[in-house]
N, C-alpha and C. Protein backbone atom coordinates (compact mmCIF):
# COMPACT_ATOMS: atom_id res chain seq x y z
N UNK A 1 31.28 33.94 42.41
CA UNK A 1 32.20 34.01 43.57
C UNK A 1 31.34 33.72 44.81
N UNK A 2 30.11 34.13 44.81
CA UNK A 2 29.31 33.96 46.09
C UNK A 2 29.02 32.46 46.23
N UNK A 3 28.93 31.79 45.06
CA UNK A 3 28.63 30.32 45.19
C UNK A 3 29.88 29.59 45.82
N UNK A 4 31.04 29.94 45.43
CA UNK A 4 32.23 29.37 46.03
C UNK A 4 32.33 29.67 47.45
N UNK A 5 31.95 30.86 47.97
CA UNK A 5 31.98 31.27 49.26
C UNK A 5 30.96 30.42 50.13
N UNK A 6 29.79 30.18 49.52
CA UNK A 6 28.82 29.39 50.24
C UNK A 6 29.34 27.87 50.41
N UNK A 7 29.83 27.41 49.33
CA UNK A 7 30.44 26.05 49.36
C UNK A 7 31.60 25.93 50.24
N UNK A 8 32.46 26.94 50.27
CA UNK A 8 33.63 26.92 51.16
C UNK A 8 33.22 26.90 52.60
N UNK A 9 32.46 27.83 52.91
CA UNK A 9 32.00 28.00 54.41
C UNK A 9 31.21 26.80 54.79
N UNK A 10 30.42 26.21 54.00
CA UNK A 10 29.55 25.08 54.29
C UNK A 10 30.52 23.83 54.47
N UNK A 11 31.44 23.71 53.65
CA UNK A 11 32.47 22.56 53.83
C UNK A 11 33.17 22.62 55.14
N UNK A 12 33.59 23.71 55.53
CA UNK A 12 34.33 23.95 56.79
C UNK A 12 33.34 23.65 57.98
N UNK A 13 32.16 24.21 57.92
CA UNK A 13 31.20 24.03 58.88
C UNK A 13 30.73 22.62 59.06
N UNK A 14 30.50 21.98 57.99
CA UNK A 14 30.05 20.49 58.04
C UNK A 14 31.19 19.74 58.49
N UNK A 15 32.45 19.98 58.08
CA UNK A 15 33.51 19.08 58.66
C UNK A 15 33.62 19.32 60.15
N UNK A 16 33.51 20.52 60.64
CA UNK A 16 33.60 20.71 62.09
C UNK A 16 32.36 20.03 62.83
N UNK A 17 31.28 20.02 62.23
CA UNK A 17 30.12 19.43 62.92
C UNK A 17 30.25 17.94 62.79
N UNK A 18 30.84 17.39 61.72
CA UNK A 18 31.01 15.94 61.72
C UNK A 18 32.02 15.50 62.75
N UNK A 19 33.11 16.26 62.86
CA UNK A 19 34.03 15.98 64.00
C UNK A 19 33.43 16.03 65.37
N UNK A 20 32.57 16.93 65.49
CA UNK A 20 31.86 17.14 66.75
C UNK A 20 30.98 15.82 67.04
N UNK A 21 30.30 15.34 66.01
CA UNK A 21 29.50 14.23 66.17
C UNK A 21 30.24 12.91 66.44
N UNK A 22 31.45 12.84 65.90
CA UNK A 22 32.23 11.54 66.01
C UNK A 22 33.13 11.37 67.20
N UNK A 23 33.57 12.61 67.77
CA UNK A 23 34.54 12.44 68.91
C UNK A 23 33.71 12.35 70.11
N UNK A 24 34.23 11.49 71.10
CA UNK A 24 33.53 11.15 72.30
C UNK A 24 34.25 11.73 73.59
N UNK A 25 34.89 12.93 73.36
CA UNK A 25 35.72 13.51 74.44
C UNK A 25 35.27 14.92 74.69
N UNK A 26 35.79 15.60 75.65
CA UNK A 26 35.40 16.97 76.01
C UNK A 26 35.97 17.86 74.93
N UNK A 27 36.93 17.38 74.25
CA UNK A 27 37.62 18.15 73.21
C UNK A 27 36.67 18.41 72.00
N UNK A 28 35.61 17.69 71.89
CA UNK A 28 34.66 17.76 70.84
C UNK A 28 33.95 19.09 70.72
N UNK A 29 33.79 19.78 71.93
CA UNK A 29 33.12 21.11 72.00
C UNK A 29 33.82 22.21 71.39
N UNK A 30 35.19 21.96 71.25
CA UNK A 30 35.97 22.98 70.45
C UNK A 30 35.47 23.00 69.00
N UNK A 31 35.21 21.86 68.43
CA UNK A 31 34.67 21.80 67.01
C UNK A 31 33.36 22.43 66.98
N UNK A 32 32.50 22.25 67.91
CA UNK A 32 31.14 22.88 67.96
C UNK A 32 31.37 24.35 67.97
N UNK A 33 32.26 24.83 68.82
CA UNK A 33 32.41 26.33 68.86
C UNK A 33 33.08 26.81 67.55
N UNK A 34 33.84 26.05 66.92
CA UNK A 34 34.47 26.45 65.63
C UNK A 34 33.36 26.50 64.59
N UNK A 35 32.41 25.61 64.60
CA UNK A 35 31.25 25.59 63.57
C UNK A 35 30.43 26.81 63.88
N UNK A 36 30.08 27.16 65.10
CA UNK A 36 29.43 28.30 65.56
C UNK A 36 30.05 29.62 65.06
N UNK A 37 31.43 29.73 65.25
CA UNK A 37 32.23 30.75 64.77
C UNK A 37 32.09 31.06 63.31
N UNK A 38 32.30 29.86 62.49
CA UNK A 38 32.18 29.97 61.10
C UNK A 38 30.84 30.44 60.64
N UNK A 39 29.76 29.95 61.30
CA UNK A 39 28.37 30.37 60.95
C UNK A 39 28.20 31.83 61.31
N UNK A 40 28.63 32.32 62.33
CA UNK A 40 28.51 33.72 62.67
C UNK A 40 29.22 34.61 61.73
N UNK A 41 30.44 34.12 61.38
CA UNK A 41 31.24 34.90 60.39
C UNK A 41 30.58 35.00 59.11
N UNK A 42 30.00 33.88 58.66
CA UNK A 42 29.35 33.89 57.37
C UNK A 42 28.09 34.88 57.37
N UNK A 43 27.32 34.80 58.46
CA UNK A 43 26.12 35.57 58.61
C UNK A 43 26.48 37.03 58.72
N UNK A 44 27.64 37.42 59.17
CA UNK A 44 28.06 38.81 59.28
C UNK A 44 28.44 39.33 57.85
N UNK A 45 29.08 38.45 57.12
CA UNK A 45 29.59 38.78 55.84
C UNK A 45 28.48 38.87 54.76
N UNK A 46 27.62 37.93 54.76
CA UNK A 46 26.53 37.92 53.80
C UNK A 46 25.13 38.12 54.42
N UNK A 47 24.50 39.11 54.10
CA UNK A 47 23.23 39.51 54.80
C UNK A 47 22.02 39.08 53.88
N UNK A 48 22.17 38.62 52.68
CA UNK A 48 21.09 38.15 51.90
C UNK A 48 20.38 36.99 52.42
N UNK A 49 19.09 36.97 52.42
CA UNK A 49 18.37 35.85 52.99
C UNK A 49 18.60 34.56 52.11
N UNK A 50 18.74 34.70 50.89
CA UNK A 50 19.02 33.55 50.01
C UNK A 50 20.36 32.96 50.30
N UNK A 51 21.40 33.73 50.50
CA UNK A 51 22.69 33.27 50.82
C UNK A 51 22.68 32.47 52.12
N UNK A 52 22.00 33.01 53.10
CA UNK A 52 21.95 32.37 54.43
C UNK A 52 21.17 31.07 54.29
N UNK A 53 20.08 30.94 53.57
CA UNK A 53 19.38 29.70 53.44
C UNK A 53 20.23 28.73 52.71
N UNK A 54 20.89 29.16 51.67
CA UNK A 54 21.81 28.20 50.90
C UNK A 54 22.88 27.69 51.74
N UNK A 55 23.40 28.59 52.60
CA UNK A 55 24.51 28.13 53.57
C UNK A 55 24.02 27.01 54.43
N UNK A 56 22.78 27.14 55.05
CA UNK A 56 22.32 26.24 55.99
C UNK A 56 21.99 24.89 55.28
N UNK A 57 21.30 25.00 54.13
CA UNK A 57 20.93 23.76 53.35
C UNK A 57 22.25 23.03 52.97
N UNK A 58 23.24 23.79 52.40
CA UNK A 58 24.42 23.16 51.94
C UNK A 58 25.20 22.53 53.00
N UNK A 59 25.23 23.21 54.16
CA UNK A 59 25.92 22.71 55.39
C UNK A 59 25.30 21.38 55.81
N UNK A 60 24.00 21.31 55.89
CA UNK A 60 23.31 20.05 56.27
C UNK A 60 23.60 18.94 55.32
N UNK A 61 23.53 19.18 54.10
CA UNK A 61 23.80 18.21 53.01
C UNK A 61 25.14 17.66 53.11
N UNK A 62 26.23 18.61 53.26
CA UNK A 62 27.63 18.20 53.39
C UNK A 62 27.84 17.44 54.76
N UNK A 63 27.10 17.83 55.74
CA UNK A 63 27.26 17.10 57.04
C UNK A 63 26.82 15.59 56.92
N UNK A 64 25.66 15.40 56.16
CA UNK A 64 25.23 13.98 56.04
C UNK A 64 26.10 13.23 55.09
N UNK A 65 26.76 13.90 54.10
CA UNK A 65 27.66 13.16 53.28
C UNK A 65 28.91 12.77 54.09
N UNK A 66 29.45 13.75 54.90
CA UNK A 66 30.54 13.45 55.73
C UNK A 66 30.35 12.33 56.70
N UNK A 67 29.09 12.40 57.29
CA UNK A 67 28.72 11.31 58.32
C UNK A 67 28.69 9.93 57.58
N UNK A 68 28.19 9.81 56.36
CA UNK A 68 28.23 8.47 55.66
C UNK A 68 29.53 8.11 55.33
N UNK A 69 30.40 8.94 54.84
CA UNK A 69 31.80 8.72 54.55
C UNK A 69 32.52 8.18 55.81
N UNK A 70 32.35 8.80 56.83
CA UNK A 70 33.02 8.45 58.13
C UNK A 70 32.52 7.10 58.62
N UNK A 71 31.24 6.83 58.54
CA UNK A 71 30.68 5.62 58.92
C UNK A 71 31.12 4.36 58.00
N UNK A 72 31.28 4.63 56.68
CA UNK A 72 31.78 3.64 55.85
C UNK A 72 33.27 3.33 56.15
N UNK A 73 34.04 4.39 56.36
CA UNK A 73 35.48 4.26 56.66
C UNK A 73 35.61 3.40 57.96
N UNK A 74 34.80 3.78 59.00
CA UNK A 74 34.95 3.07 60.18
C UNK A 74 34.54 1.59 60.12
N UNK A 75 33.47 1.37 59.30
CA UNK A 75 33.04 -0.08 59.12
C UNK A 75 34.11 -0.92 58.31
N UNK A 76 34.69 -0.28 57.32
CA UNK A 76 35.74 -0.89 56.56
C UNK A 76 37.01 -1.22 57.42
N UNK A 77 37.21 -0.26 58.27
CA UNK A 77 38.38 -0.36 59.22
C UNK A 77 38.15 -1.45 60.23
N UNK A 78 36.97 -1.58 60.69
CA UNK A 78 36.49 -2.58 61.70
C UNK A 78 36.51 -4.06 61.04
N UNK A 79 36.13 -4.10 59.83
CA UNK A 79 36.04 -5.40 59.12
C UNK A 79 37.44 -5.91 58.81
N UNK A 80 38.37 -5.13 58.54
CA UNK A 80 39.72 -5.52 58.19
C UNK A 80 40.53 -5.95 59.40
N UNK A 81 40.00 -5.48 60.54
CA UNK A 81 40.93 -5.74 61.78
C UNK A 81 40.58 -7.14 62.37
């Protein structure tokens, strides 16, 4: 159950950070605050050091995966236009 919690929180946080990195408007800071809120919520709920390290590492990995997927999508969209 704890593994699913780490993966779920990490997916949400990584998605919010990916949107923060891709949007070029003032609206992007809402996604940054959302990721901060998710991180704070996770750290309050799970106090074990291993869980926190797993959350951070998993979030970074998912962030890079999302960034590559978004870059590939935008490249394909630009090539077809």
